[in-house]
Structure formats: C-alpha cells, structure tokens
Amino acid sequence: MMVHERSDSITCGPVMPQGGIQALEAMLFTLDQLNSSPEPLLPNITLGAHILDDCDKDTYGLEMAVDFIKGNR
C-alpha cells in the first residue's frame, strides 16, 4: 500500500493524504465494522491487516512482499 510519495533518496517522501491515507483509513474502518458487527460475517474470527508502505517504489514493495512471505517481517 502506498502511504508516502516516492522520493529520490533512500527514505520515503511526504505522506499522501488524498490517496494513501484515505485508502488506509477506509480499509481499517471496514475491518473495524466487520469485526464489531452484531451479526458477524465470520463468527469467532477477527480480521486484521499487516500494512506495509511501499513508498510508491515497485522494487521496495516487491522486496517487502518477499520478506513477508518468507516470514522475515
């Protein structure tokens, strides 16, 4: 998920309030609604998220995904 803008340096750029943060907040809100519903979609199961910011860099996102699959993150 892209929360920060791309940067020419090693670090991420500024936060993207219009795209990144709004999408992140919408996803977290949806998870909260699903988990707190009086008639749950999946009884006895709590949904969650593991959020990784790729800073709009494909190579960084791929590296994080591979590390996640390997269990390194």
PDB file of N, CA and C in Angstrom:
ATOM      1  N   MET A   1       0.852  -1.174   0.000  1.00  0.00           N
ATOM      2  CA  MET A   1       0.000   0.000   0.000  1.00  0.00           C
ATOM      3  C   MET A   1       0.892   1.230   0.000  1.00  0.00           C
ATOM      4  N   MET A   2       0.515   2.205  -0.759  1.00  0.00           N
ATOM      5  CA  MET A   2       1.304   3.423  -0.879  1.00  0.00           C
ATOM      6  C   MET A   2       0.721   4.498   0.043  1.00  0.00           C
ATOM      7  N   VAL A   3       1.431   4.789   1.123  1.00  0.00           N
ATOM      8  CA  VAL A   3       1.002   5.825   2.067  1.00  0.00           C
ATOM      9  C   VAL A   3       1.843   7.081   1.874  1.00  0.00           C
ATOM     10  N   HIS A   4       3.105   6.896   1.524  1.00  0.00           N
ATOM     11  CA  HIS A   4       4.014   8.019   1.279  1.00  0.00           C
ATOM     12  C   HIS A   4       4.295   8.155  -0.213  1.00  0.00           C
ATOM     13  N   GLU A   5       4.661   9.351  -0.620  1.00  0.00           N
ATOM     14  CA  GLU A   5       5.065   9.581  -2.003  1.00  0.00           C
ATOM     15  C   GLU A   5       6.474   9.057  -2.230  1.00  0.00           C
ATOM     16  N   ARG A   6       6.808   8.892  -3.488  1.00  0.00           N
ATOM     17  CA  ARG A   6       8.149   8.465  -3.866  1.00  0.00           C
ATOM     18  C   ARG A   6       9.133   9.587  -3.572  1.00  0.00           C
ATOM     19  N   SER A   7      10.362   9.210  -3.284  1.00  0.00           N
ATOM     20  CA  SER A   7      11.424  10.172  -3.015  1.00  0.00           C
ATOM     21  C   SER A   7      12.675   9.714  -3.747  1.00  0.00           C
ATOM     22  N   ASP A   8      13.530  10.651  -4.102  1.00  0.00           N
ATOM     23  CA  ASP A   8      14.783  10.306  -4.769  1.00  0.00           C
ATOM     24  C   ASP A   8      15.802   9.738  -3.796  1.00  0.00           C
ATOM     25  N   SER A   9      15.587   9.965  -2.515  1.00  0.00           N
ATOM     26  CA  SER A   9      16.529   9.468  -1.514  1.00  0.00           C
ATOM     27  C   SER A   9      16.109   8.071  -1.053  1.00  0.00           C
ATOM     28  N   ILE A  10      16.826   7.545  -0.091  1.00  0.00           N
ATOM     29  CA  ILE A  10      16.533   6.213   0.445  1.00  0.00           C
ATOM     30  C   ILE A  10      15.238   6.230   1.254  1.00  0.00           C
ATOM     31  N   THR A  11      14.940   7.338   1.906  1.00  0.00           N
ATOM     32  CA  THR A  11      13.738   7.431   2.733  1.00  0.00           C
ATOM     33  C   THR A  11      12.512   7.716   1.871  1.00  0.00           C
ATOM     34  N   CYS A  12      11.340   7.539   2.456  1.00  0.00           N
ATOM     35  CA  CYS A  12      10.087   7.834   1.765  1.00  0.00           C
ATOM     36  C   CYS A  12       9.876   9.339   1.670  1.00  0.00           C
ATOM     37  N   GLY A  13       9.044   9.742   0.732  1.00  0.00           N
ATOM     38  CA  GLY A  13       8.680  11.143   0.593  1.00  0.00           C
ATOM     39  C   GLY A  13       7.571  11.502   1.570  1.00  0.00           C
ATOM     40  N   PRO A  14       6.894  12.624   1.339  1.00  0.00           N
ATOM     41  CA  PRO A  14       5.826  13.056   2.244  1.00  0.00           C
ATOM     42  C   PRO A  14       4.602  12.134   2.172  1.00  0.00           C
ATOM     43  N   VAL A  15       3.789  12.197   3.211  1.00  0.00           N
ATOM     44  CA  VAL A  15       2.558  11.407   3.280  1.00  0.00           C
ATOM     45  C   VAL A  15       1.602  11.871   2.186  1.00  0.00           C
ATOM     46  N   MET A  16       0.874  10.926   1.607  1.00  0.00           N
ATOM     47  CA  MET A  16      -0.119  11.222   0.571  1.00  0.00           C
ATOM     48  C   MET A  16      -1.502  11.259   1.220  1.00  0.00           C
ATOM     49  N   PRO A  17      -1.959  12.431   1.684  1.00  0.00           N
ATOM     50  CA  PRO A  17      -3.241  12.475   2.400  1.00  0.00           C
ATOM     51  C   PRO A  17      -4.435  12.127   1.514  1.00  0.00           C
ATOM     52  N   GLN A  18      -4.399  12.476   0.243  1.00  0.00           N
ATOM     53  CA  GLN A  18      -5.552  12.239  -0.623  1.00  0.00           C
ATOM     54  C   GLN A  18      -5.676  10.790  -1.071  1.00  0.00           C
ATOM     55  N   GLY A  19      -4.577  10.144  -1.339  1.00  0.00           N
ATOM     56  CA  GLY A  19      -4.654   8.775  -1.841  1.00  0.00           C
ATOM     57  C   GLY A  19      -4.305   7.745  -0.799  1.00  0.00           C
ATOM     58  N   GLY A  20      -3.107   7.839  -0.282  1.00  0.00           N
ATOM     59  CA  GLY A  20      -2.599   6.803   0.611  1.00  0.00           C
ATOM     60  C   GLY A  20      -3.313   6.715   1.938  1.00  0.00           C
ATOM     61  N   ILE A  21      -3.398   7.823   2.652  1.00  0.00           N
ATOM     62  CA  ILE A  21      -4.011   7.816   3.987  1.00  0.00           C
ATOM     63  C   ILE A  21      -5.501   7.507   3.899  1.00  0.00           C
ATOM     64  N   GLN A  22      -6.190   8.066   2.909  1.00  0.00           N
ATOM     65  CA  GLN A  22      -7.626   7.804   2.787  1.00  0.00           C
ATOM     66  C   GLN A  22      -7.902   6.330   2.508  1.00  0.00           C
ATOM     67  N   ALA A  23      -7.118   5.711   1.642  1.00  0.00           N
ATOM     68  CA  ALA A  23      -7.303   4.287   1.348  1.00  0.00           C
ATOM     69  C   ALA A  23      -7.011   3.440   2.583  1.00  0.00           C
ATOM     70  N   LEU A  24      -5.960   3.799   3.302  1.00  0.00           N
ATOM     71  CA  LEU A  24      -5.600   3.076   4.525  1.00  0.00           C
ATOM     72  C   LEU A  24      -6.707   3.194   5.568  1.00  0.00           C
ATOM     73  N   GLU A  25      -7.191   4.408   5.793  1.00  0.00           N
ATOM     74  CA  GLU A  25      -8.256   4.620   6.778  1.00  0.00           C
ATOM     75  C   GLU A  25      -9.538   3.905   6.370  1.00  0.00           C
ATOM     76  N   ALA A  26      -9.856   3.892   5.081  1.00  0.00           N
ATOM     77  CA  ALA A  26     -11.058   3.194   4.611  1.00  0.00           C
ATOM     78  C   ALA A  26     -10.950   1.695   4.868  1.00  0.00           C
ATOM     79  N   MET A  27      -9.773   1.134   4.627  1.00  0.00           N
ATOM     80  CA  MET A  27      -9.569  -0.287   4.868  1.00  0.00           C
ATOM     81  C   MET A  27      -9.687  -0.613   6.354  1.00  0.00           C
ATOM     82  N   LEU A  28      -9.057   0.193   7.210  1.00  0.00           N
ATOM     83  CA  LEU A  28      -9.114  -0.050   8.653  1.00  0.00           C
ATOM     84  C   LEU A  28     -10.530   0.127   9.195  1.00  0.00           C
ATOM     85  N   PHE A  29     -11.249   1.127   8.695  1.00  0.00           N
ATOM     86  CA  PHE A  29     -12.639   1.343   9.099  1.00  0.00           C
ATOM     87  C   PHE A  29     -13.496   0.130   8.729  1.00  0.00           C
ATOM     88  N   THR A  30     -13.305  -0.377   7.518  1.00  0.00           N
ATOM     89  CA  THR A  30     -14.068  -1.538   7.066  1.00  0.00           C
ATOM     90  C   THR A  30     -13.790  -2.756   7.938  1.00  0.00           C
ATOM     91  N   LEU A  31     -12.529  -2.974   8.271  1.00  0.00           N
ATOM     92  CA  LEU A  31     -12.186  -4.094   9.159  1.00  0.00           C
ATOM     93  C   LEU A  31     -12.841  -3.930  10.527  1.00  0.00           C
ATOM     94  N   ASP A  32     -12.820  -2.713  11.070  1.00  0.00           N
ATOM     95  CA  ASP A  32     -13.473  -2.456  12.362  1.00  0.00           C
ATOM     96  C   ASP A  32     -14.971  -2.745  12.288  1.00  0.00           C
ATOM     97  N   GLN A  33     -15.607  -2.306  11.201  1.00  0.00           N
ATOM     98  CA  GLN A  33     -17.044  -2.534  11.043  1.00  0.00           C
ATOM     99  C   GLN A  33     -17.355  -4.028  10.945  1.00  0.00           C
ATOM    100  N   LEU A  34     -16.559  -4.755  10.190  1.00  0.00           N
ATOM    101  CA  LEU A  34     -16.778  -6.198  10.055  1.00  0.00           C
ATOM    102  C   LEU A  34     -16.584  -6.920  11.384  1.00  0.00           C
ATOM    103  N   ASN A  35     -15.559  -6.518  12.128  1.00  0.00           N
ATOM    104  CA  ASN A  35     -15.256  -7.192  13.393  1.00  0.00           C
ATOM    105  C   ASN A  35     -16.238  -6.850  14.506  1.00  0.00           C
ATOM    106  N   SER A  36     -16.870  -5.679  14.449  1.00  0.00           N
ATOM    107  CA  SER A  36     -17.767  -5.262  15.531  1.00  0.00           C
ATOM    108  C   SER A  36     -19.244  -5.423  15.180  1.00  0.00           C
ATOM    109  N   SER A  37     -19.544  -6.024  14.066  1.00  0.00           N
ATOM    110  CA  SER A  37     -20.927  -6.210  13.637  1.00  0.00           C
ATOM    111  C   SER A  37     -21.672  -7.129  14.605  1.00  0.00           C
ATOM    112  N   PRO A  38     -22.950  -6.801  14.940  1.00  0.00           N
ATOM    113  CA  PRO A  38     -23.728  -7.679  15.819  1.00  0.00           C
ATOM    114  C   PRO A  38     -23.983  -9.050  15.177  1.00  0.00           C
ATOM    115  N   GLU A  39     -24.024  -9.098  13.858  1.00  0.00           N
ATOM    116  CA  GLU A  39     -24.144 -10.363  13.130  1.00  0.00           C
ATOM    117  C   GLU A  39     -22.887 -10.517  12.281  1.00  0.00           C
ATOM    118  N   PRO A  40     -21.826 -11.059  12.870  1.00  0.00           N
ATOM    119  CA  PRO A  40     -20.536 -11.087  12.178  1.00  0.00           C
ATOM    120  C   PRO A  40     -20.557 -11.907  10.891  1.00  0.00           C
ATOM    121  N   LEU A  41     -19.770 -11.455   9.950  1.00  0.00           N
ATOM    122  CA  LEU A  41     -19.621 -12.157   8.685  1.00  0.00           C
ATOM    123  C   LEU A  41     -18.954 -13.517   8.914  1.00  0.00           C
ATOM    124  N   LEU A  42     -17.944 -13.519   9.775  1.00  0.00           N
ATOM    125  CA  LEU A  42     -17.210 -14.745  10.110  1.00  0.00           C
ATOM    126  C   LEU A  42     -17.200 -14.909  11.627  1.00  0.00           C
ATOM    127  N   PRO A  43     -18.160 -15.642  12.190  1.00  0.00           N
ATOM    128  CA  PRO A  43     -18.219 -15.795  13.650  1.00  0.00           C
ATOM    129  C   PRO A  43     -16.922 -16.373  14.220  1.00  0.00           C
ATOM    130  N   ASN A  44     -16.508 -15.825  15.358  1.00  0.00           N
ATOM    131  CA  ASN A  44     -15.311 -16.272  16.086  1.00  0.00           C
ATOM    132  C   ASN A  44     -14.003 -16.066  15.323  1.00  0.00           C
ATOM    133  N   ILE A  45     -14.031 -15.211  14.322  1.00  0.00           N
ATOM    134  CA  ILE A  45     -12.814 -14.882  13.575  1.00  0.00           C
ATOM    135  C   ILE A  45     -12.677 -13.368  13.541  1.00  0.00           C
ATOM    136  N   THR A  46     -11.502 -12.869  13.892  1.00  0.00           N
ATOM    137  CA  THR A  46     -11.221 -11.436  13.836  1.00  0.00           C
ATOM    138  C   THR A  46     -10.315 -11.162  12.644  1.00  0.00           C
ATOM    139  N   LEU A  47     -10.769 -10.265  11.783  1.00  0.00           N
ATOM    140  CA  LEU A  47      -9.974  -9.885  10.618  1.00  0.00           C
ATOM    141  C   LEU A  47      -9.024  -8.757  10.990  1.00  0.00           C
ATOM    142  N   GLY A  48      -7.858  -8.743  10.391  1.00  0.00           N
ATOM    143  CA  GLY A  48      -6.870  -7.702  10.651  1.00  0.00           C
ATOM    144  C   GLY A  48      -6.074  -7.403   9.396  1.00  0.00           C
ATOM    145  N   ALA A  49      -5.071  -6.581   9.550  1.00  0.00           N
ATOM    146  CA  ALA A  49      -4.245  -6.190   8.408  1.00  0.00           C
ATOM    147  C   ALA A  49      -2.799  -6.037   8.847  1.00  0.00           C
ATOM    148  N   HIS A  50      -1.911  -6.364   7.962  1.00  0.00           N
ATOM    149  CA  HIS A  50      -0.478  -6.118   8.145  1.00  0.00           C
ATOM    150  C   HIS A  50      -0.107  -5.143   7.036  1.00  0.00           C
ATOM    151  N   ILE A  51       0.087  -3.895   7.395  1.00  0.00           N
ATOM    152  CA  ILE A  51       0.246  -2.831   6.405  1.00  0.00           C
ATOM    153  C   ILE A  51       1.719  -2.529   6.179  1.00  0.00           C
ATOM    154  N   LEU A  52       2.116  -2.571   4.926  1.00  0.00           N
ATOM    155  CA  LEU A  52       3.484  -2.250   4.532  1.00  0.00           C
ATOM    156  C   LEU A  52       3.428  -1.108   3.523  1.00  0.00           C
ATOM    157  N   ASP A  53       4.151  -0.053   3.776  1.00  0.00           N
ATOM    158  CA  ASP A  53       4.183   1.119   2.905  1.00  0.00           C
ATOM    159  C   ASP A  53       5.312   0.951   1.895  1.00  0.00           C
ATOM    160  N   ASP A  54       4.964   0.899   0.608  1.00  0.00           N
ATOM    161  CA  ASP A  54       5.995   0.720  -0.415  1.00  0.00           C
ATOM    162  C   ASP A  54       6.555   2.041  -0.944  1.00  0.00           C
ATOM    163  N   CYS A  55       6.048   3.162  -0.439  1.00  0.00           N
ATOM    164  CA  CYS A  55       6.539   4.497  -0.811  1.00  0.00           C
ATOM    165  C   CYS A  55       6.527   4.713  -2.325  1.00  0.00           C
ATOM    166  N   ASP A  56       5.577   4.089  -3.008  1.00  0.00           N
ATOM    167  CA  ASP A  56       5.431   4.209  -4.460  1.00  0.00           C
ATOM    168  C   ASP A  56       6.676   3.731  -5.210  1.00  0.00           C
ATOM    169  N   LYS A  57       7.361   2.745  -4.634  1.00  0.00           N
ATOM    170  CA  LYS A  57       8.546   2.166  -5.280  1.00  0.00           C
ATOM    171  C   LYS A  57       8.289   0.674  -5.484  1.00  0.00           C
ATOM    172  N   ASP A  58       8.152   0.255  -6.744  1.00  0.00           N
ATOM    173  CA  ASP A  58       7.833  -1.139  -7.046  1.00  0.00           C
ATOM    174  C   ASP A  58       8.853  -2.110  -6.474  1.00  0.00           C
ATOM    175  N   THR A  59      10.123  -1.781  -6.598  1.00  0.00           N
ATOM    176  CA  THR A  59      11.163  -2.698  -6.122  1.00  0.00           C
ATOM    177  C   THR A  59      11.113  -2.848  -4.605  1.00  0.00           C
ATOM    178  N   TYR A  60      10.830  -1.753  -3.903  1.00  0.00           N
ATOM    179  CA  TYR A  60      10.734  -1.810  -2.444  1.00  0.00           C
ATOM    180  C   TYR A  60       9.511  -2.629  -2.029  1.00  0.00           C
ATOM    181  N   GLY A  61       8.404  -2.430  -2.728  1.00  0.00           N
ATOM    182  CA  GLY A  61       7.198  -3.199  -2.438  1.00  0.00           C
ATOM    183  C   GLY A  61       7.405  -4.687  -2.665  1.00  0.00           C
ATOM    184  N   LEU A  62       8.089  -5.039  -3.749  1.00  0.00           N
ATOM    185  CA  LEU A  62       8.374  -6.440  -4.034  1.00  0.00           C
ATOM    186  C   LEU A  62       9.278  -7.040  -2.966  1.00  0.00           C
ATOM    187  N   GLU A  63      10.289  -6.292  -2.559  1.00  0.00           N
ATOM    188  CA  GLU A  63      11.201  -6.763  -1.510  1.00  0.00           C
ATOM    189  C   GLU A  63      10.444  -7.026  -0.208  1.00  0.00           C
ATOM    190  N   MET A  64       9.557  -6.111   0.170  1.00  0.00           N
ATOM    191  CA  MET A  64       8.781  -6.292   1.402  1.00  0.00           C
ATOM    192  C   MET A  64       7.837  -7.485   1.290  1.00  0.00           C
ATOM    193  N   ALA A  65       7.231  -7.679   0.106  1.00  0.00           N
ATOM    194  CA  ALA A  65       6.319  -8.806  -0.086  1.00  0.00           C
ATOM    195  C   ALA A  65       7.060 -10.137   0.041  1.00  0.00           C
ATOM    196  N   VAL A  66       8.231 -10.223  -0.556  1.00  0.00           N
ATOM    197  CA  VAL A  66       9.021 -11.456  -0.469  1.00  0.00           C
ATOM    198  C   VAL A  66       9.443 -11.708   0.975  1.00  0.00           C
ATOM    199  N   ASP A  67       9.885 -10.665   1.669  1.00  0.00           N
ATOM    200  CA  ASP A  67      10.261 -10.815   3.081  1.00  0.00           C
ATOM    201  C   ASP A  67       9.071 -11.274   3.920  1.00  0.00           C
ATOM    202  N   PHE A  68       7.895 -10.733   3.637  1.00  0.00           N
ATOM    203  CA  PHE A  68       6.692 -11.113   4.375  1.00  0.00           C
ATOM    204  C   PHE A  68       6.364 -12.591   4.148  1.00  0.00           C
ATOM    205  N   ILE A  69       6.437 -13.026   2.893  1.00  0.00           N
ATOM    206  CA  ILE A  69       6.150 -14.426   2.570  1.00  0.00           C
ATOM    207  C   ILE A  69       7.150 -15.353   3.251  1.00  0.00           C
ATOM    208  N   LYS A  70       8.402 -14.936   3.303  1.00  0.00           N
ATOM    209  CA  LYS A  70       9.439 -15.744   3.950  1.00  0.00           C
ATOM    210  C   LYS A  70       9.336 -15.706   5.472  1.00  0.00           C
ATOM    211  N   GLY A  71       8.534 -14.788   6.002  1.00  0.00           N
ATOM    212  CA  GLY A  71       8.380 -14.673   7.450  1.00  0.00           C
ATOM    213  C   GLY A  71       9.408 -13.773   8.097  1.00  0.00           C
ATOM    214  N   ASN A  72      10.045 -12.909   7.314  1.00  0.00           N
ATOM    215  CA  ASN A  72      11.075 -12.010   7.841  1.00  0.00           C
ATOM    216  C   ASN A  72      10.502 -10.715   8.385  1.00  0.00           C
ATOM    217  N   ARG A  73       9.225 -10.444   8.200  1.00  0.00           N
ATOM    218  CA  ARG A  73       8.635  -9.190   8.671  1.00  0.00           C
ATOM    219  C   ARG A  73       7.437  -9.485   9.521  1.00  0.00           C
TER     220      ARG A  73
END
